[in-house]
Amino acid sequence: MNNKVALFRKEHFNAAHRLHNPLWSDEKNERVFGLCNNKNYHGHNYELIVKVTGVPNQETGYVLDIKILSELIEDVILKKFDHKNLNLDTAEFANLNPTAENIAIVIYNLLRPKLDKELELKIKLYETERNFVEYPA
């Protein structure tokens, strides 16, 4: 059997952030990032969808055991970002603007080495119900 199947796991986490470029003036940051540049930060209830694609194992029928994927997301992503201020509490965003785009890339880069090389990985991150990103595109 060589048919690829996509497996999805949906999780959520809550986190605060501030979009800010320290190389810019306060005026430029406010003009570019608007309310997202609030000096006191602001939060989102992020919805994360992790998509893993591969050929099901002939013995188990699994692309990847969903319990293993769930535990991996919990250990590698949720424990690191849930109920955190991304700018202040995480090494990943100490020098990286925590836009939805950058958060998705960081999540991908944290999960990718933990998965079999034969499996494809895609991250979809909803910042709001209507605003979301996908990586890789």
N, C-alpha and C. Protein backbone atom coordinates (compact mmCIF):
# COMPACT_ATOMS: atom_id res chain seq x y z
N MET A 1 0.84 -1.18 0.00
CA MET A 1 0.00 0.00 0.00
C MET A 1 0.89 1.24 0.00
N ASN A 2 0.78 2.08 -1.02
CA ASN A 2 1.59 3.29 -1.14
C ASN A 2 0.75 4.55 -1.14
N ASN A 3 -0.44 4.49 -0.57
CA ASN A 3 -1.31 5.66 -0.54
C ASN A 3 -1.00 6.52 0.68
N LYS A 4 -0.71 7.80 0.43
CA LYS A 4 -0.46 8.72 1.53
C LYS A 4 -1.77 9.15 2.17
N VAL A 5 -1.71 9.31 3.48
CA VAL A 5 -2.86 9.75 4.26
C VAL A 5 -2.40 10.90 5.15
N ALA A 6 -3.27 11.91 5.29
CA ALA A 6 -2.97 13.04 6.17
C ALA A 6 -3.66 12.83 7.51
N LEU A 7 -2.90 13.01 8.56
CA LEU A 7 -3.37 12.89 9.93
C LEU A 7 -3.32 14.29 10.55
N PHE A 8 -4.38 14.69 11.26
CA PHE A 8 -4.44 16.02 11.85
C PHE A 8 -4.62 15.92 13.36
N ARG A 9 -3.97 16.84 14.08
CA ARG A 9 -4.19 16.98 15.52
C ARG A 9 -4.40 18.47 15.79
N LYS A 10 -5.51 18.78 16.46
CA LYS A 10 -5.83 20.17 16.79
C LYS A 10 -5.61 20.38 18.28
N GLU A 11 -4.91 21.45 18.60
CA GLU A 11 -4.65 21.83 19.99
C GLU A 11 -4.86 23.34 20.11
N HIS A 12 -4.90 23.85 21.32
CA HIS A 12 -4.87 25.28 21.48
C HIS A 12 -3.98 25.67 22.65
N PHE A 13 -3.55 26.92 22.54
CA PHE A 13 -2.77 27.50 23.62
C PHE A 13 -3.07 28.99 23.68
N ASN A 14 -2.91 29.54 24.86
CA ASN A 14 -3.13 30.97 25.08
C ASN A 14 -1.78 31.61 25.34
N ALA A 15 -1.55 32.73 24.66
CA ALA A 15 -0.27 33.41 24.84
C ALA A 15 -0.42 34.89 24.56
N ALA A 16 0.41 35.67 25.22
CA ALA A 16 0.48 37.11 24.98
C ALA A 16 1.69 37.41 24.12
N HIS A 17 1.61 38.53 23.42
CA HIS A 17 2.76 38.99 22.65
C HIS A 17 2.62 40.47 22.33
N ARG A 18 3.69 41.02 21.82
CA ARG A 18 3.72 42.38 21.32
C ARG A 18 4.50 42.35 20.02
N LEU A 19 3.91 42.90 18.97
CA LEU A 19 4.64 43.03 17.71
C LEU A 19 5.40 44.34 17.76
N HIS A 20 6.71 44.23 17.63
CA HIS A 20 7.58 45.39 17.83
C HIS A 20 8.93 45.14 17.17
N ASN A 21 9.42 46.14 16.47
CA ASN A 21 10.77 46.07 15.91
C ASN A 21 11.63 47.06 16.68
N PRO A 22 12.58 46.58 17.50
CA PRO A 22 13.37 47.48 18.33
C PRO A 22 14.26 48.44 17.54
N LEU A 23 14.45 48.17 16.26
CA LEU A 23 15.27 49.06 15.42
C LEU A 23 14.48 50.26 14.91
N TRP A 24 13.17 50.24 15.09
CA TRP A 24 12.30 51.32 14.62
C TRP A 24 11.93 52.26 15.76
N SER A 25 11.49 53.44 15.38
CA SER A 25 10.97 54.40 16.36
C SER A 25 9.62 53.90 16.88
N ASP A 26 9.21 54.46 18.02
CA ASP A 26 7.88 54.13 18.55
C ASP A 26 6.79 54.49 17.55
N GLU A 27 6.97 55.61 16.87
CA GLU A 27 5.98 56.05 15.90
C GLU A 27 5.84 55.06 14.74
N LYS A 28 6.97 54.58 14.23
CA LYS A 28 6.92 53.63 13.11
C LYS A 28 6.32 52.31 13.57
N ASN A 29 6.70 51.83 14.75
CA ASN A 29 6.12 50.59 15.28
C ASN A 29 4.61 50.72 15.41
N GLU A 30 4.15 51.85 15.93
CA GLU A 30 2.71 52.04 16.09
C GLU A 30 2.02 52.11 14.73
N ARG A 31 2.65 52.78 13.77
CA ARG A 31 2.07 52.89 12.43
C ARG A 31 1.98 51.52 11.75
N VAL A 32 3.01 50.71 11.86
CA VAL A 32 3.05 49.42 11.17
C VAL A 32 2.22 48.36 11.91
N PHE A 33 2.36 48.29 13.22
CA PHE A 33 1.74 47.21 13.99
C PHE A 33 0.44 47.60 14.69
N GLY A 34 0.13 48.89 14.75
CA GLY A 34 -1.13 49.36 15.34
C GLY A 34 -1.33 48.85 16.75
N LEU A 35 -2.54 48.35 17.04
CA LEU A 35 -2.88 47.88 18.39
C LEU A 35 -2.00 46.71 18.83
N CYS A 36 -1.45 45.99 17.88
CA CYS A 36 -0.60 44.83 18.22
C CYS A 36 0.74 45.26 18.82
N ASN A 37 1.01 46.58 18.79
CA ASN A 37 2.25 47.12 19.37
C ASN A 37 2.03 47.61 20.80
N ASN A 38 0.92 47.29 21.40
CA ASN A 38 0.59 47.72 22.76
C ASN A 38 1.76 47.41 23.70
N LYS A 39 2.25 48.43 24.37
CA LYS A 39 3.41 48.25 25.27
C LYS A 39 3.13 47.27 26.41
N ASN A 40 1.86 47.08 26.74
CA ASN A 40 1.48 46.16 27.80
C ASN A 40 1.10 44.77 27.26
N TYR A 41 1.37 44.55 25.98
CA TYR A 41 1.12 43.27 25.32
C TYR A 41 -0.38 43.02 25.13
N HIS A 42 -0.70 41.98 24.43
CA HIS A 42 -2.09 41.55 24.24
C HIS A 42 -2.05 40.05 23.98
N GLY A 43 -3.20 39.38 24.15
CA GLY A 43 -3.19 37.93 24.06
C GLY A 43 -4.10 37.37 22.99
N HIS A 44 -3.86 36.11 22.68
CA HIS A 44 -4.66 35.37 21.71
C HIS A 44 -4.92 33.97 22.25
N ASN A 45 -6.03 33.42 21.83
CA ASN A 45 -6.34 32.01 22.05
C ASN A 45 -6.01 31.32 20.74
N TYR A 46 -4.78 30.88 20.60
CA TYR A 46 -4.31 30.29 19.36
C TYR A 46 -4.89 28.90 19.18
N GLU A 47 -5.26 28.59 17.95
CA GLU A 47 -5.66 27.23 17.59
C GLU A 47 -4.59 26.69 16.66
N LEU A 48 -4.04 25.57 17.03
CA LEU A 48 -2.94 24.95 16.28
C LEU A 48 -3.43 23.67 15.65
N ILE A 49 -3.19 23.52 14.35
CA ILE A 49 -3.50 22.28 13.65
C ILE A 49 -2.19 21.75 13.06
N VAL A 50 -1.83 20.57 13.50
CA VAL A 50 -0.62 19.92 13.02
C VAL A 50 -1.05 18.82 12.05
N LYS A 51 -0.53 18.88 10.84
CA LYS A 51 -0.86 17.90 9.79
C LYS A 51 0.39 17.07 9.50
N VAL A 52 0.24 15.77 9.63
CA VAL A 52 1.33 14.83 9.33
C VAL A 52 0.84 13.92 8.21
N THR A 53 1.61 13.85 7.14
CA THR A 53 1.22 13.06 5.98
C THR A 53 2.26 11.97 5.73
N GLY A 54 1.75 10.77 5.44
CA GLY A 54 2.65 9.67 5.14
C GLY A 54 1.86 8.44 4.75
N VAL A 55 2.56 7.38 4.47
CA VAL A 55 1.97 6.10 4.10
C VAL A 55 1.71 5.32 5.39
N PRO A 56 0.50 4.82 5.59
CA PRO A 56 0.23 4.05 6.81
C PRO A 56 1.14 2.82 6.92
N ASN A 57 1.57 2.57 8.13
CA ASN A 57 2.39 1.40 8.41
C ASN A 57 1.56 0.14 8.15
N GLN A 58 2.14 -0.83 7.47
CA GLN A 58 1.40 -2.04 7.10
C GLN A 58 0.98 -2.87 8.31
N GLU A 59 1.74 -2.81 9.38
CA GLU A 59 1.41 -3.61 10.56
C GLU A 59 0.38 -2.93 11.46
N THR A 60 0.50 -1.60 11.62
CA THR A 60 -0.41 -0.91 12.56
C THR A 60 -1.57 -0.20 11.85
N GLY A 61 -1.36 0.15 10.60
CA GLY A 61 -2.35 0.95 9.89
C GLY A 61 -2.23 2.43 10.18
N TYR A 62 -1.30 2.83 11.04
CA TYR A 62 -1.10 4.23 11.42
C TYR A 62 -0.09 4.92 10.51
N VAL A 63 -0.36 6.18 10.20
CA VAL A 63 0.69 7.06 9.67
C VAL A 63 1.62 7.39 10.83
N LEU A 64 0.99 7.73 11.95
CA LEU A 64 1.67 7.99 13.22
C LEU A 64 0.62 7.81 14.30
N ASP A 65 0.95 7.13 15.35
CA ASP A 65 0.02 6.96 16.46
C ASP A 65 -0.39 8.35 16.96
N ILE A 66 -1.69 8.65 16.92
CA ILE A 66 -2.19 9.98 17.29
C ILE A 66 -1.85 10.32 18.73
N LYS A 67 -1.76 9.33 19.59
CA LYS A 67 -1.37 9.57 20.99
C LYS A 67 0.06 10.08 21.05
N ILE A 68 0.93 9.50 20.24
CA ILE A 68 2.33 9.95 20.20
C ILE A 68 2.40 11.39 19.69
N LEU A 69 1.62 11.70 18.65
CA LEU A 69 1.60 13.06 18.12
C LEU A 69 1.08 14.03 19.17
N SER A 70 0.01 13.66 19.86
CA SER A 70 -0.57 14.51 20.90
C SER A 70 0.44 14.79 22.01
N GLU A 71 1.12 13.76 22.47
CA GLU A 71 2.13 13.92 23.52
C GLU A 71 3.30 14.77 23.06
N LEU A 72 3.69 14.62 21.81
CA LEU A 72 4.79 15.40 21.24
C LEU A 72 4.42 16.89 21.22
N ILE A 73 3.22 17.20 20.76
CA ILE A 73 2.78 18.60 20.72
C ILE A 73 2.71 19.16 22.13
N GLU A 74 2.20 18.38 23.06
CA GLU A 74 2.12 18.82 24.46
C GLU A 74 3.51 19.13 25.01
N ASP A 75 4.44 18.20 24.83
CA ASP A 75 5.79 18.35 25.40
C ASP A 75 6.62 19.43 24.73
N VAL A 76 6.55 19.50 23.41
CA VAL A 76 7.44 20.37 22.65
C VAL A 76 6.87 21.78 22.43
N ILE A 77 5.55 21.90 22.33
CA ILE A 77 4.94 23.19 22.00
C ILE A 77 4.14 23.77 23.17
N LEU A 78 3.15 23.04 23.63
CA LEU A 78 2.23 23.60 24.62
C LEU A 78 2.92 23.95 25.94
N LYS A 79 3.77 23.08 26.42
CA LYS A 79 4.48 23.38 27.67
C LYS A 79 5.37 24.61 27.54
N LYS A 80 5.83 24.86 26.35
CA LYS A 80 6.74 25.98 26.09
C LYS A 80 5.99 27.30 25.91
N PHE A 81 4.80 27.27 25.25
CA PHE A 81 4.14 28.52 24.85
C PHE A 81 2.83 28.82 25.57
N ASP A 82 2.15 27.81 26.11
CA ASP A 82 0.83 28.05 26.69
C ASP A 82 0.92 28.91 27.95
N HIS A 83 0.09 29.94 28.00
CA HIS A 83 0.02 30.88 29.12
C HIS A 83 1.37 31.56 29.37
N LYS A 84 2.03 31.89 28.28
CA LYS A 84 3.32 32.60 28.34
C LYS A 84 3.21 33.92 27.60
N ASN A 85 4.10 34.82 27.95
CA ASN A 85 4.31 36.02 27.15
C ASN A 85 5.43 35.63 26.19
N LEU A 86 5.10 35.52 24.92
CA LEU A 86 6.08 35.01 23.95
C LEU A 86 7.33 35.88 23.89
N ASN A 87 7.16 37.20 24.01
CA ASN A 87 8.31 38.11 23.95
C ASN A 87 9.24 37.94 25.16
N LEU A 88 8.65 37.74 26.33
CA LEU A 88 9.43 37.77 27.57
C LEU A 88 9.79 36.40 28.12
N ASP A 89 8.96 35.40 27.87
CA ASP A 89 9.10 34.11 28.53
C ASP A 89 9.71 33.01 27.67
N THR A 90 9.98 33.27 26.41
CA THR A 90 10.47 32.21 25.53
C THR A 90 11.76 32.61 24.82
N ALA A 91 12.68 31.70 24.78
CA ALA A 91 13.95 31.96 24.10
C ALA A 91 13.75 32.14 22.59
N GLU A 92 12.77 31.44 22.04
CA GLU A 92 12.54 31.47 20.59
C GLU A 92 12.19 32.87 20.08
N PHE A 93 11.55 33.69 20.94
CA PHE A 93 11.12 35.01 20.50
C PHE A 93 11.85 36.14 21.21
N ALA A 94 12.95 35.84 21.83
CA ALA A 94 13.75 36.88 22.48
C ALA A 94 14.22 37.91 21.46
N ASN A 95 14.54 37.44 20.25
CA ASN A 95 15.02 38.33 19.19
C ASN A 95 14.27 38.14 17.88
N LEU A 96 13.06 37.59 17.97
CA LEU A 96 12.24 37.32 16.78
C LEU A 96 10.84 37.84 17.05
N ASN A 97 10.34 38.69 16.17
CA ASN A 97 9.01 39.26 16.33
C ASN A 97 7.98 38.13 16.29
N PRO A 98 7.16 37.96 17.34
CA PRO A 98 6.24 36.83 17.40
C PRO A 98 4.95 37.03 16.60
N THR A 99 5.10 37.24 15.30
CA THR A 99 3.96 37.29 14.40
C THR A 99 3.42 35.86 14.25
N ALA A 100 2.20 35.75 13.77
CA ALA A 100 1.64 34.41 13.52
C ALA A 100 2.55 33.64 12.56
N GLU A 101 3.08 34.33 11.56
CA GLU A 101 3.97 33.68 10.60
C GLU A 101 5.20 33.09 11.29
N ASN A 102 5.84 33.89 12.14
CA ASN A 102 7.03 33.41 12.83
C ASN A 102 6.71 32.33 13.85
N ILE A 103 5.57 32.43 14.52
CA ILE A 103 5.19 31.39 15.47
C ILE A 103 5.01 30.06 14.75
N ALA A 104 4.36 30.08 13.59
CA ALA A 104 4.15 28.84 12.82
C ALA A 104 5.49 28.23 12.39
N ILE A 105 6.42 29.07 11.94
CA ILE A 105 7.74 28.57 11.52
C ILE A 105 8.48 27.97 12.71
N VAL A 106 8.42 28.64 13.85
CA VAL A 106 9.09 28.12 15.06
C VAL A 106 8.49 26.78 15.46
N ILE A 107 7.17 26.68 15.46
CA ILE A 107 6.52 25.41 15.81
C ILE A 107 6.96 24.30 14.86
N TYR A 108 6.97 24.59 13.58
CA TYR A 108 7.42 23.61 12.58
C TYR A 108 8.85 23.15 12.90
N ASN A 109 9.73 24.12 13.15
CA ASN A 109 11.14 23.80 13.39
C ASN A 109 11.36 23.03 14.69
N LEU A 110 10.47 23.20 15.66
CA LEU A 110 10.56 22.43 16.90
C LEU A 110 10.06 20.99 16.71
N LEU A 111 9.02 20.83 15.90
CA LEU A 111 8.44 19.49 15.70
C LEU A 111 9.17 18.66 14.65
N ARG A 112 9.66 19.30 13.59
CA ARG A 112 10.23 18.57 12.44
C ARG A 112 11.29 17.55 12.84
N PRO A 113 12.26 17.90 13.69
CA PRO A 113 13.30 16.92 14.04
C PRO A 113 12.78 15.74 14.87
N LYS A 114 11.60 15.87 15.44
CA LYS A 114 11.04 14.82 16.29
C LYS A 114 10.25 13.78 15.50
N LEU A 115 10.05 14.03 14.21
CA LEU A 115 9.26 13.13 13.37
C LEU A 115 10.15 12.38 12.38
N ASP A 116 9.71 11.21 11.99
CA ASP A 116 10.39 10.43 10.97
C ASP A 116 10.55 11.27 9.70
N LYS A 117 11.70 11.17 9.07
CA LYS A 117 11.99 11.96 7.86
C LYS A 117 11.03 11.65 6.71
N GLU A 118 10.43 10.47 6.72
CA GLU A 118 9.49 10.08 5.66
C GLU A 118 8.15 10.81 5.79
N LEU A 119 7.88 11.37 6.94
CA LEU A 119 6.59 12.04 7.17
C LEU A 119 6.67 13.51 6.77
N GLU A 120 5.63 13.98 6.13
CA GLU A 120 5.53 15.40 5.79
C GLU A 120 4.83 16.11 6.95
N LEU A 121 5.20 17.36 7.19
CA LEU A 121 4.64 18.14 8.28
C LEU A 121 4.15 19.48 7.76
N LYS A 122 2.98 19.88 8.22
CA LYS A 122 2.45 21.20 7.90
C LYS A 122 1.78 21.76 9.15
N ILE A 123 1.98 23.04 9.39
CA ILE A 123 1.43 23.72 10.55
C ILE A 123 0.41 24.75 10.08
N LYS A 124 -0.76 24.73 10.70
CA LYS A 124 -1.76 25.77 10.49
C LYS A 124 -2.01 26.39 11.86
N LEU A 125 -1.87 27.71 11.94
CA LEU A 125 -2.03 28.41 13.21
C LEU A 125 -3.05 29.51 13.05
N TYR A 126 -4.12 29.41 13.84
CA TYR A 126 -5.15 30.45 13.86
C TYR A 126 -4.85 31.40 15.00
N GLU A 127 -4.67 32.67 14.67
CA GLU A 127 -4.50 33.70 15.69
C GLU A 127 -5.88 34.18 16.15
N THR A 128 -6.80 34.26 15.21
CA THR A 128 -8.21 34.53 15.49
C THR A 128 -9.02 33.60 14.59
N GLU A 129 -10.33 33.62 14.71
CA GLU A 129 -11.17 32.79 13.85
C GLU A 129 -10.95 33.08 12.37
N ARG A 130 -10.64 34.35 12.08
CA ARG A 130 -10.53 34.76 10.68
C ARG A 130 -9.11 34.97 10.18
N ASN A 131 -8.15 34.95 11.07
CA ASN A 131 -6.75 35.18 10.70
C ASN A 131 -5.91 33.96 11.03
N PHE A 132 -5.33 33.36 9.99
CA PHE A 132 -4.50 32.18 10.22
C PHE A 132 -3.40 32.11 9.18
N VAL A 133 -2.38 31.33 9.51
CA VAL A 133 -1.24 31.12 8.62
C VAL A 133 -0.99 29.64 8.48
N GLU A 134 -0.26 29.29 7.43
CA GLU A 134 0.10 27.89 7.19
C GLU A 134 1.55 27.85 6.76
N TYR A 135 2.29 26.89 7.35
CA TYR A 135 3.71 26.72 7.01
C TYR A 135 4.05 25.23 6.99
N PRO A 136 4.79 24.79 5.97
CA PRO A 136 5.15 25.55 4.77
C PRO A 136 3.94 25.80 3.89
N ALA A 137 4.06 26.86 3.11
CA ALA A 137 2.94 27.28 2.24
C ALA A 137 2.72 26.30 1.12
